[in-house]
Amino acid sequence: MATSVMVFHPHMEHSRANRALMDAAAQVPGTVVRDMYAQYPDFRIDVARERAIAADADLIVFQFPLYWYSAPALLKEWEDAVFEVDGSSLEGRRMLLAVTAGGKLEDYAEDGKQGATMAQVLQPYRMTANYLGMRFEEPLLLHHAHRIADDDLAAVAGRYADLLR
């Protein structure tokens, strides 16, 4: 099984949580991990290359920090450039999100501070996967990312690696 993990973090050098997840993913056999901001700092996506990589993967993973209830801009640029309207090239593939958020788990509830669940916030990705004929996997969520204890971060990173196996 081929797994493509694309990490969309504009400030990876400052992200303890996303770095730990990225490092854990890189240890999984058959997994290719790419720092997309390092690869495309100018946002000029190599569409043919990205489509070929996606077509060769059984599992496509988008890893990113949640910024203002959305992914960083390069992920949206990637989606707009790479995904095709007919969607047939990715049919049958699986999509997994690995998302870090600064807010606490309890904040992401309809009656919580955010006023919405994380499932509601991430609904556009589920809809995109559905449209493309992909199977949307249950996302890996890491809440309170900037304050997570080292042991807890290691446990989440281990769970992430298990999901990629």
N, C-alpha and C. Protein backbone atom coordinates (compact mmCIF):
# COMPACT_ATOMS: atom_id res chain seq x y z
N MET A 1 0.84 -1.19 0.00
CA MET A 1 0.00 0.00 0.00
C MET A 1 0.88 1.24 0.00
N ALA A 2 0.59 2.18 -0.87
CA ALA A 2 1.33 3.44 -0.93
C ALA A 2 0.54 4.52 -0.20
N THR A 3 1.23 5.25 0.63
CA THR A 3 0.60 6.34 1.37
C THR A 3 1.34 7.63 1.08
N SER A 4 0.59 8.66 0.72
CA SER A 4 1.15 9.99 0.48
C SER A 4 0.69 10.92 1.58
N VAL A 5 1.63 11.37 2.41
CA VAL A 5 1.33 12.33 3.48
C VAL A 5 1.85 13.68 3.03
N MET A 6 0.94 14.63 2.89
CA MET A 6 1.31 15.99 2.52
C MET A 6 1.10 16.88 3.73
N VAL A 7 2.16 17.50 4.18
CA VAL A 7 2.10 18.36 5.36
C VAL A 7 2.05 19.80 4.89
N PHE A 8 0.97 20.47 5.25
CA PHE A 8 0.76 21.87 4.86
C PHE A 8 0.86 22.74 6.11
N HIS A 9 2.06 23.15 6.44
CA HIS A 9 2.27 24.03 7.59
C HIS A 9 3.24 25.13 7.17
N PRO A 10 2.78 26.39 7.15
CA PRO A 10 3.65 27.47 6.69
C PRO A 10 4.79 27.82 7.63
N HIS A 11 4.74 27.31 8.87
CA HIS A 11 5.78 27.63 9.85
C HIS A 11 6.21 26.36 10.58
N MET A 12 6.58 25.36 9.82
CA MET A 12 6.93 24.07 10.41
C MET A 12 8.04 24.19 11.45
N GLU A 13 8.95 25.12 11.24
CA GLU A 13 10.06 25.26 12.17
C GLU A 13 9.60 25.66 13.57
N HIS A 14 8.38 26.14 13.71
CA HIS A 14 7.85 26.54 15.01
C HIS A 14 6.80 25.57 15.55
N SER A 15 6.57 24.46 14.87
CA SER A 15 5.49 23.57 15.25
C SER A 15 6.00 22.26 15.85
N ARG A 16 5.95 22.17 17.14
CA ARG A 16 6.34 20.95 17.84
C ARG A 16 5.39 19.81 17.50
N ALA A 17 4.09 20.09 17.50
CA ALA A 17 3.09 19.05 17.28
C ALA A 17 3.13 18.51 15.85
N ASN A 18 3.11 19.40 14.86
CA ASN A 18 3.14 18.93 13.48
C ASN A 18 4.46 18.26 13.14
N ARG A 19 5.54 18.71 13.71
CA ARG A 19 6.85 18.07 13.49
C ARG A 19 6.82 16.64 14.04
N ALA A 20 6.26 16.46 15.24
CA ALA A 20 6.18 15.12 15.82
C ALA A 20 5.33 14.19 14.97
N LEU A 21 4.21 14.70 14.46
CA LEU A 21 3.36 13.88 13.59
C LEU A 21 4.09 13.56 12.29
N MET A 22 4.73 14.54 11.72
CA MET A 22 5.47 14.35 10.47
C MET A 22 6.58 13.31 10.65
N ASP A 23 7.31 13.40 11.74
CA ASP A 23 8.39 12.46 12.01
C ASP A 23 7.85 11.05 12.22
N ALA A 24 6.72 10.92 12.91
CA ALA A 24 6.11 9.60 13.12
C ALA A 24 5.68 8.99 11.79
N ALA A 25 5.08 9.80 10.93
CA ALA A 25 4.63 9.31 9.63
C ALA A 25 5.80 8.84 8.78
N ALA A 26 6.91 9.54 8.87
CA ALA A 26 8.09 9.21 8.05
C ALA A 26 8.68 7.86 8.42
N GLN A 27 8.36 7.35 9.60
CA GLN A 27 8.88 6.05 10.03
C GLN A 27 8.06 4.87 9.53
N VAL A 28 6.92 5.14 8.92
CA VAL A 28 6.02 4.07 8.48
C VAL A 28 6.43 3.60 7.08
N PRO A 29 6.75 2.31 6.94
CA PRO A 29 7.13 1.79 5.62
C PRO A 29 6.02 2.03 4.58
N GLY A 30 6.44 2.38 3.37
CA GLY A 30 5.48 2.61 2.29
C GLY A 30 4.83 3.98 2.33
N THR A 31 5.32 4.83 3.22
CA THR A 31 4.76 6.17 3.37
C THR A 31 5.76 7.21 2.89
N VAL A 32 5.29 8.10 2.03
CA VAL A 32 6.11 9.21 1.56
C VAL A 32 5.54 10.48 2.20
N VAL A 33 6.38 11.19 2.93
CA VAL A 33 5.97 12.40 3.64
C VAL A 33 6.64 13.59 2.96
N ARG A 34 5.83 14.60 2.64
CA ARG A 34 6.37 15.79 1.98
C ARG A 34 5.92 17.05 2.70
N ASP A 35 6.85 17.95 2.92
CA ASP A 35 6.57 19.27 3.46
C ASP A 35 6.21 20.16 2.27
N MET A 36 4.94 20.42 2.11
CA MET A 36 4.46 21.08 0.90
C MET A 36 4.87 22.55 0.83
N TYR A 37 5.01 23.22 1.97
CA TYR A 37 5.47 24.62 1.94
C TYR A 37 6.95 24.69 1.55
N ALA A 38 7.73 23.68 1.91
CA ALA A 38 9.12 23.64 1.47
C ALA A 38 9.19 23.34 -0.03
N GLN A 39 8.27 22.51 -0.49
CA GLN A 39 8.25 22.13 -1.90
C GLN A 39 7.71 23.23 -2.81
N TYR A 40 6.70 23.95 -2.33
CA TYR A 40 6.05 24.98 -3.16
C TYR A 40 5.96 26.32 -2.42
N PRO A 41 7.10 26.92 -2.08
CA PRO A 41 7.05 28.19 -1.35
C PRO A 41 6.42 29.33 -2.15
N ASP A 42 6.42 29.18 -3.47
CA ASP A 42 5.83 30.20 -4.33
C ASP A 42 4.39 29.88 -4.74
N PHE A 43 3.86 28.77 -4.20
CA PHE A 43 2.48 28.33 -4.48
C PHE A 43 2.28 27.87 -5.93
N ARG A 44 3.34 27.66 -6.66
CA ARG A 44 3.23 27.21 -8.05
C ARG A 44 3.29 25.69 -8.06
N ILE A 45 2.11 25.09 -8.01
CA ILE A 45 1.96 23.65 -7.90
C ILE A 45 2.30 22.98 -9.24
N ASP A 46 3.09 21.93 -9.20
CA ASP A 46 3.36 21.11 -10.38
C ASP A 46 2.19 20.14 -10.49
N VAL A 47 1.18 20.55 -11.22
CA VAL A 47 -0.10 19.82 -11.27
C VAL A 47 0.07 18.40 -11.78
N ALA A 48 0.79 18.22 -12.87
CA ALA A 48 0.96 16.87 -13.43
C ALA A 48 1.65 15.95 -12.43
N ARG A 49 2.67 16.45 -11.78
CA ARG A 49 3.40 15.65 -10.78
C ARG A 49 2.49 15.29 -9.61
N GLU A 50 1.76 16.27 -9.10
CA GLU A 50 0.89 16.03 -7.95
C GLU A 50 -0.25 15.06 -8.29
N ARG A 51 -0.79 15.17 -9.49
CA ARG A 51 -1.84 14.24 -9.90
C ARG A 51 -1.29 12.82 -10.00
N ALA A 52 -0.08 12.69 -10.51
CA ALA A 52 0.54 11.36 -10.62
C ALA A 52 0.80 10.76 -9.24
N ILE A 53 1.29 11.56 -8.31
CA ILE A 53 1.54 11.09 -6.94
C ILE A 53 0.23 10.66 -6.30
N ALA A 54 -0.81 11.47 -6.44
CA ALA A 54 -2.12 11.13 -5.86
C ALA A 54 -2.68 9.86 -6.48
N ALA A 55 -2.55 9.72 -7.78
CA ALA A 55 -3.08 8.54 -8.47
C ALA A 55 -2.36 7.27 -8.04
N ASP A 56 -1.10 7.37 -7.65
CA ASP A 56 -0.32 6.21 -7.22
C ASP A 56 -0.56 5.84 -5.76
N ALA A 57 -1.22 6.69 -5.01
CA ALA A 57 -1.42 6.45 -3.58
C ALA A 57 -2.76 5.77 -3.31
N ASP A 58 -2.74 4.85 -2.36
CA ASP A 58 -3.98 4.25 -1.88
C ASP A 58 -4.61 5.13 -0.79
N LEU A 59 -3.74 5.75 -0.01
CA LEU A 59 -4.17 6.63 1.07
C LEU A 59 -3.51 7.99 0.88
N ILE A 60 -4.34 9.03 0.84
CA ILE A 60 -3.86 10.41 0.70
C ILE A 60 -4.16 11.12 2.02
N VAL A 61 -3.10 11.64 2.63
CA VAL A 61 -3.23 12.27 3.94
C VAL A 61 -2.90 13.75 3.81
N PHE A 62 -3.79 14.57 4.34
CA PHE A 62 -3.55 16.00 4.44
C PHE A 62 -3.32 16.31 5.92
N GLN A 63 -2.12 16.71 6.26
CA GLN A 63 -1.78 17.08 7.63
C GLN A 63 -1.62 18.58 7.69
N PHE A 64 -2.31 19.22 8.64
CA PHE A 64 -2.23 20.68 8.71
C PHE A 64 -2.72 21.20 10.06
N PRO A 65 -2.28 22.41 10.41
CA PRO A 65 -2.83 23.08 11.58
C PRO A 65 -4.12 23.79 11.16
N LEU A 66 -5.06 23.84 12.05
CA LEU A 66 -6.30 24.56 11.78
C LEU A 66 -6.08 26.04 12.08
N TYR A 67 -6.23 26.86 11.05
CA TYR A 67 -6.09 28.32 11.18
C TYR A 67 -7.44 28.94 10.87
N TRP A 68 -8.02 29.62 11.82
CA TRP A 68 -9.29 30.30 11.60
C TRP A 68 -10.30 29.36 10.93
N TYR A 69 -10.40 28.16 11.48
CA TYR A 69 -11.40 27.16 11.05
C TYR A 69 -11.16 26.65 9.64
N SER A 70 -9.94 26.73 9.18
CA SER A 70 -9.62 26.29 7.83
C SER A 70 -8.16 25.83 7.79
N ALA A 71 -7.79 25.26 6.66
CA ALA A 71 -6.41 24.85 6.45
C ALA A 71 -5.59 26.03 5.94
N PRO A 72 -4.27 25.94 6.05
CA PRO A 72 -3.43 26.98 5.45
C PRO A 72 -3.68 27.10 3.94
N ALA A 73 -3.39 28.26 3.41
CA ALA A 73 -3.75 28.61 2.04
C ALA A 73 -3.18 27.66 0.98
N LEU A 74 -2.00 27.12 1.20
CA LEU A 74 -1.41 26.25 0.19
C LEU A 74 -2.23 24.98 -0.02
N LEU A 75 -2.88 24.48 1.00
CA LEU A 75 -3.72 23.30 0.82
C LEU A 75 -4.89 23.62 -0.10
N LYS A 76 -5.52 24.75 0.08
CA LYS A 76 -6.62 25.15 -0.81
C LYS A 76 -6.11 25.32 -2.23
N GLU A 77 -4.95 25.93 -2.39
CA GLU A 77 -4.35 26.08 -3.72
C GLU A 77 -4.10 24.71 -4.35
N TRP A 78 -3.59 23.78 -3.55
CA TRP A 78 -3.32 22.43 -4.04
C TRP A 78 -4.63 21.77 -4.50
N GLU A 79 -5.66 21.85 -3.67
CA GLU A 79 -6.96 21.26 -4.04
C GLU A 79 -7.48 21.85 -5.35
N ASP A 80 -7.46 23.16 -5.45
CA ASP A 80 -7.99 23.83 -6.64
C ASP A 80 -7.22 23.45 -7.90
N ALA A 81 -5.92 23.25 -7.77
CA ALA A 81 -5.09 22.93 -8.92
C ALA A 81 -5.11 21.45 -9.28
N VAL A 82 -5.13 20.58 -8.28
CA VAL A 82 -4.90 19.15 -8.52
C VAL A 82 -6.19 18.35 -8.68
N PHE A 83 -7.18 18.61 -7.87
CA PHE A 83 -8.42 17.85 -7.98
C PHE A 83 -9.10 18.18 -9.30
N GLU A 84 -9.64 17.14 -9.93
CA GLU A 84 -10.30 17.31 -11.22
C GLU A 84 -11.81 17.24 -11.05
N VAL A 85 -12.51 17.97 -11.88
CA VAL A 85 -13.97 18.05 -11.77
C VAL A 85 -14.62 16.68 -11.89
N ASP A 86 -14.14 15.84 -12.80
CA ASP A 86 -14.77 14.53 -12.93
C ASP A 86 -14.38 13.59 -11.80
N GLY A 87 -13.25 13.86 -11.14
CA GLY A 87 -12.87 13.13 -9.94
C GLY A 87 -12.51 11.67 -10.13
N SER A 88 -12.61 11.15 -11.32
CA SER A 88 -12.46 9.71 -11.52
C SER A 88 -11.06 9.18 -11.20
N SER A 89 -10.05 10.02 -11.30
CA SER A 89 -8.68 9.53 -11.09
C SER A 89 -8.41 9.14 -9.64
N LEU A 90 -9.22 9.59 -8.70
CA LEU A 90 -9.00 9.27 -7.28
C LEU A 90 -10.08 8.35 -6.71
N GLU A 91 -10.95 7.89 -7.55
CA GLU A 91 -12.03 7.02 -7.09
C GLU A 91 -11.46 5.77 -6.42
N GLY A 92 -12.02 5.44 -5.27
CA GLY A 92 -11.59 4.26 -4.53
C GLY A 92 -10.43 4.51 -3.58
N ARG A 93 -9.79 5.67 -3.66
CA ARG A 93 -8.71 5.99 -2.75
C ARG A 93 -9.31 6.39 -1.39
N ARG A 94 -8.45 6.45 -0.39
CA ARG A 94 -8.87 6.90 0.94
C ARG A 94 -8.25 8.25 1.25
N MET A 95 -9.00 9.09 1.96
CA MET A 95 -8.51 10.39 2.40
C MET A 95 -8.53 10.42 3.92
N LEU A 96 -7.42 10.85 4.49
CA LEU A 96 -7.30 11.00 5.94
C LEU A 96 -6.80 12.41 6.22
N LEU A 97 -7.39 13.04 7.22
CA LEU A 97 -6.91 14.34 7.69
C LEU A 97 -6.20 14.13 9.02
N ALA A 98 -5.08 14.80 9.21
CA ALA A 98 -4.39 14.85 10.49
C ALA A 98 -4.31 16.33 10.84
N VAL A 99 -5.12 16.73 11.81
CA VAL A 99 -5.34 18.16 12.07
C VAL A 99 -4.93 18.51 13.49
N THR A 100 -4.14 19.56 13.61
CA THR A 100 -3.82 20.10 14.93
C THR A 100 -4.61 21.39 15.12
N ALA A 101 -5.04 21.60 16.35
CA ALA A 101 -5.82 22.80 16.67
C ALA A 101 -5.37 23.32 18.03
N GLY A 102 -5.39 24.62 18.17
CA GLY A 102 -5.03 25.23 19.44
C GLY A 102 -6.11 25.10 20.49
N GLY A 103 -7.36 25.03 20.04
CA GLY A 103 -8.49 24.94 20.96
C GLY A 103 -8.58 23.59 21.65
N LYS A 104 -9.20 23.60 22.81
CA LYS A 104 -9.41 22.37 23.57
C LYS A 104 -10.53 21.55 22.94
N LEU A 105 -10.50 20.25 23.18
CA LEU A 105 -11.52 19.34 22.65
C LEU A 105 -12.92 19.83 23.01
N GLU A 106 -13.12 20.21 24.26
CA GLU A 106 -14.46 20.62 24.70
C GLU A 106 -14.93 21.94 24.06
N ASP A 107 -14.00 22.70 23.52
CA ASP A 107 -14.37 23.94 22.82
C ASP A 107 -15.09 23.65 21.51
N TYR A 108 -14.79 22.50 20.91
CA TYR A 108 -15.38 22.14 19.62
C TYR A 108 -16.65 21.31 19.84
N ALA A 109 -17.69 22.01 20.23
CA ALA A 109 -19.02 21.44 20.44
C ALA A 109 -20.02 22.52 20.08
N GLU A 110 -21.21 22.13 19.71
CA GLU A 110 -22.21 23.14 19.33
C GLU A 110 -22.48 24.11 20.47
N ASP A 111 -22.36 23.63 21.70
CA ASP A 111 -22.56 24.52 22.85
C ASP A 111 -21.22 24.95 23.47
N GLY A 112 -20.13 24.71 22.76
CA GLY A 112 -18.80 25.07 23.25
C GLY A 112 -18.37 26.43 22.74
N LYS A 113 -17.17 26.80 23.08
CA LYS A 113 -16.61 28.10 22.72
C LYS A 113 -16.63 28.35 21.21
N GLN A 114 -16.36 27.30 20.42
CA GLN A 114 -16.31 27.45 18.96
C GLN A 114 -17.69 27.41 18.31
N GLY A 115 -18.68 26.85 19.00
CA GLY A 115 -20.04 26.80 18.45
C GLY A 115 -20.24 25.76 17.37
N ALA A 116 -19.26 24.89 17.19
CA ALA A 116 -19.35 23.83 16.17
C ALA A 116 -18.44 22.68 16.57
N THR A 117 -18.79 21.50 16.12
CA THR A 117 -17.92 20.35 16.35
C THR A 117 -16.80 20.36 15.31
N MET A 118 -15.75 19.61 15.58
CA MET A 118 -14.67 19.52 14.60
C MET A 118 -15.18 18.82 13.34
N ALA A 119 -16.11 17.89 13.48
CA ALA A 119 -16.69 17.24 12.29
C ALA A 119 -17.38 18.28 11.41
N GLN A 120 -18.04 19.24 12.01
CA GLN A 120 -18.69 20.30 11.23
C GLN A 120 -17.65 21.20 10.56
N VAL A 121 -16.60 21.53 11.28
CA VAL A 121 -15.54 22.38 10.73
C VAL A 121 -14.89 21.71 9.52
N LEU A 122 -14.71 20.40 9.60
CA LEU A 122 -14.02 19.65 8.55
C LEU A 122 -14.95 19.08 7.49
N GLN A 123 -16.23 19.39 7.57
CA GLN A 123 -17.21 18.85 6.62
C GLN A 123 -16.84 19.08 5.15
N PRO A 124 -16.27 20.22 4.76
CA PRO A 124 -15.91 20.38 3.34
C PRO A 124 -14.96 19.29 2.82
N TYR A 125 -14.10 18.77 3.68
CA TYR A 125 -13.18 17.71 3.25
C TYR A 125 -13.94 16.40 3.04
N ARG A 126 -14.88 16.11 3.92
CA ARG A 126 -15.72 14.92 3.75
C ARG A 126 -16.50 15.03 2.44
N MET A 127 -17.04 16.20 2.18
CA MET A 127 -17.80 16.42 0.94
C MET A 127 -16.91 16.28 -0.29
N THR A 128 -15.69 16.80 -0.21
CA THR A 128 -14.75 16.68 -1.32
C THR A 128 -14.41 15.22 -1.59
N ALA A 129 -14.12 14.48 -0.53
CA ALA A 129 -13.82 13.05 -0.69
C ALA A 129 -15.01 12.33 -1.33
N ASN A 130 -16.19 12.62 -0.86
CA ASN A 130 -17.39 11.99 -1.41
C ASN A 130 -17.54 12.32 -2.89
N TYR A 131 -17.37 13.58 -3.24
CA TYR A 131 -17.49 14.01 -4.63
C TYR A 131 -16.49 13.28 -5.53
N LEU A 132 -15.29 13.08 -5.01
CA LEU A 132 -14.23 12.45 -5.79
C LEU A 132 -14.29 10.92 -5.77
N GLY A 133 -15.26 10.37 -5.05
CA GLY A 133 -15.38 8.91 -4.96
C GLY A 133 -14.37 8.29 -4.01
N MET A 134 -13.84 9.10 -3.10
CA MET A 134 -12.87 8.63 -2.12
C MET A 134 -13.58 8.24 -0.84
N ARG A 135 -12.94 7.40 -0.05
CA ARG A 135 -13.48 7.04 1.26
C ARG A 135 -12.83 7.96 2.29
N PHE A 136 -13.65 8.70 3.01
CA PHE A 136 -13.17 9.63 4.02
C PHE A 136 -12.97 8.88 5.33
N GLU A 137 -11.74 8.83 5.79
CA GLU A 137 -11.41 8.15 7.04
C GLU A 137 -11.64 9.10 8.22
N GLU A 138 -11.88 8.53 9.38
CA GLU A 138 -12.05 9.34 10.59
C GLU A 138 -10.76 10.13 10.83
N PRO A 139 -10.83 11.46 10.92
CA PRO A 139 -9.61 12.27 11.07
C PRO A 139 -8.87 12.02 12.38
N LEU A 140 -7.57 12.22 12.33
CA LEU A 140 -6.76 12.24 13.53
C LEU A 140 -6.75 13.70 13.99
N LEU A 141 -7.20 13.94 15.20
CA LEU A 141 -7.30 15.31 15.72
C LEU A 141 -6.41 15.46 16.94
N LEU A 142 -5.65 16.52 16.96
CA LEU A 142 -4.81 16.83 18.10
C LEU A 142 -5.21 18.22 18.58
N HIS A 143 -5.92 18.26 19.70
CA HIS A 143 -6.40 19.52 20.27
C HIS A 143 -5.37 20.09 21.24
N HIS A 144 -5.49 21.41 21.46
CA HIS A 144 -4.63 22.11 22.43
C HIS A 144 -3.15 21.86 22.09
N ALA A 145 -2.86 21.88 20.80
CA ALA A 145 -1.57 21.44 20.28
C ALA A 145 -0.38 22.20 20.86
N HIS A 146 -0.54 23.47 21.13
CA HIS A 146 0.58 24.27 21.62
C HIS A 146 0.89 24.02 23.10
N ARG A 147 0.00 23.31 23.79
CA ARG A 147 0.21 23.06 25.21
C ARG A 147 0.23 21.57 25.57
N ILE A 148 0.21 20.70 24.58
CA ILE A 148 0.16 19.27 24.85
C ILE A 148 1.45 18.79 25.51
N ALA A 149 1.30 17.93 26.50
CA ALA A 149 2.45 17.36 27.20
C ALA A 149 3.22 16.43 26.26
N ASP A 150 4.51 16.31 26.49
CA ASP A 150 5.36 15.48 25.64
C ASP A 150 4.85 14.05 25.54
N ASP A 151 4.46 13.45 26.67
CA ASP A 151 3.96 12.07 26.66
C ASP A 151 2.69 11.94 25.84
N ASP A 152 1.80 12.92 25.97
CA ASP A 152 0.55 12.89 25.22
C ASP A 152 0.81 13.07 23.72
N LEU A 153 1.75 13.94 23.39
CA LEU A 153 2.10 14.14 21.99
C LEU A 153 2.69 12.87 21.40
N ALA A 154 3.54 12.20 22.14
CA ALA A 154 4.13 10.94 21.67
C ALA A 154 3.05 9.89 21.45
N ALA A 155 2.05 9.86 22.32
CA ALA A 155 0.95 8.89 22.17
C ALA A 155 0.14 9.18 20.91
N VAL A 156 -0.15 10.45 20.66
CA VAL A 156 -0.91 10.81 19.45
C VAL A 156 -0.08 10.50 18.21
N ALA A 157 1.20 10.79 18.24
CA ALA A 157 2.07 10.49 17.10
C ALA A 157 2.12 8.98 16.84
N GLY A 158 2.13 8.20 17.90
CA GLY A 158 2.10 6.74 17.75
C GLY A 158 0.79 6.27 17.14
N ARG A 159 -0.30 6.87 17.57
CA ARG A 159 -1.62 6.52 17.00
C ARG A 159 -1.67 6.89 15.52
N TYR A 160 -1.09 8.02 15.18
CA TYR A 160 -1.02 8.46 13.78
C TYR A 160 -0.26 7.43 12.94
N ALA A 161 0.90 7.02 13.42
CA ALA A 161 1.68 6.01 12.70
C ALA A 161 0.88 4.73 12.52
N ASP A 162 0.14 4.33 13.55
CA ASP A 162 -0.70 3.13 13.45
C ASP A 162 -1.77 3.28 12.37
N LEU A 163 -2.36 4.47 12.27
CA LEU A 163 -3.38 4.70 11.24
C LEU A 163 -2.80 4.60 9.83
N LEU A 164 -1.53 4.90 9.69
CA LEU A 164 -0.89 4.89 8.37
C LEU A 164 -0.40 3.50 7.96
N ARG A 165 -0.38 2.58 8.90
CA ARG A 165 0.10 1.22 8.59
C ARG A 165 -0.95 0.43 7.86
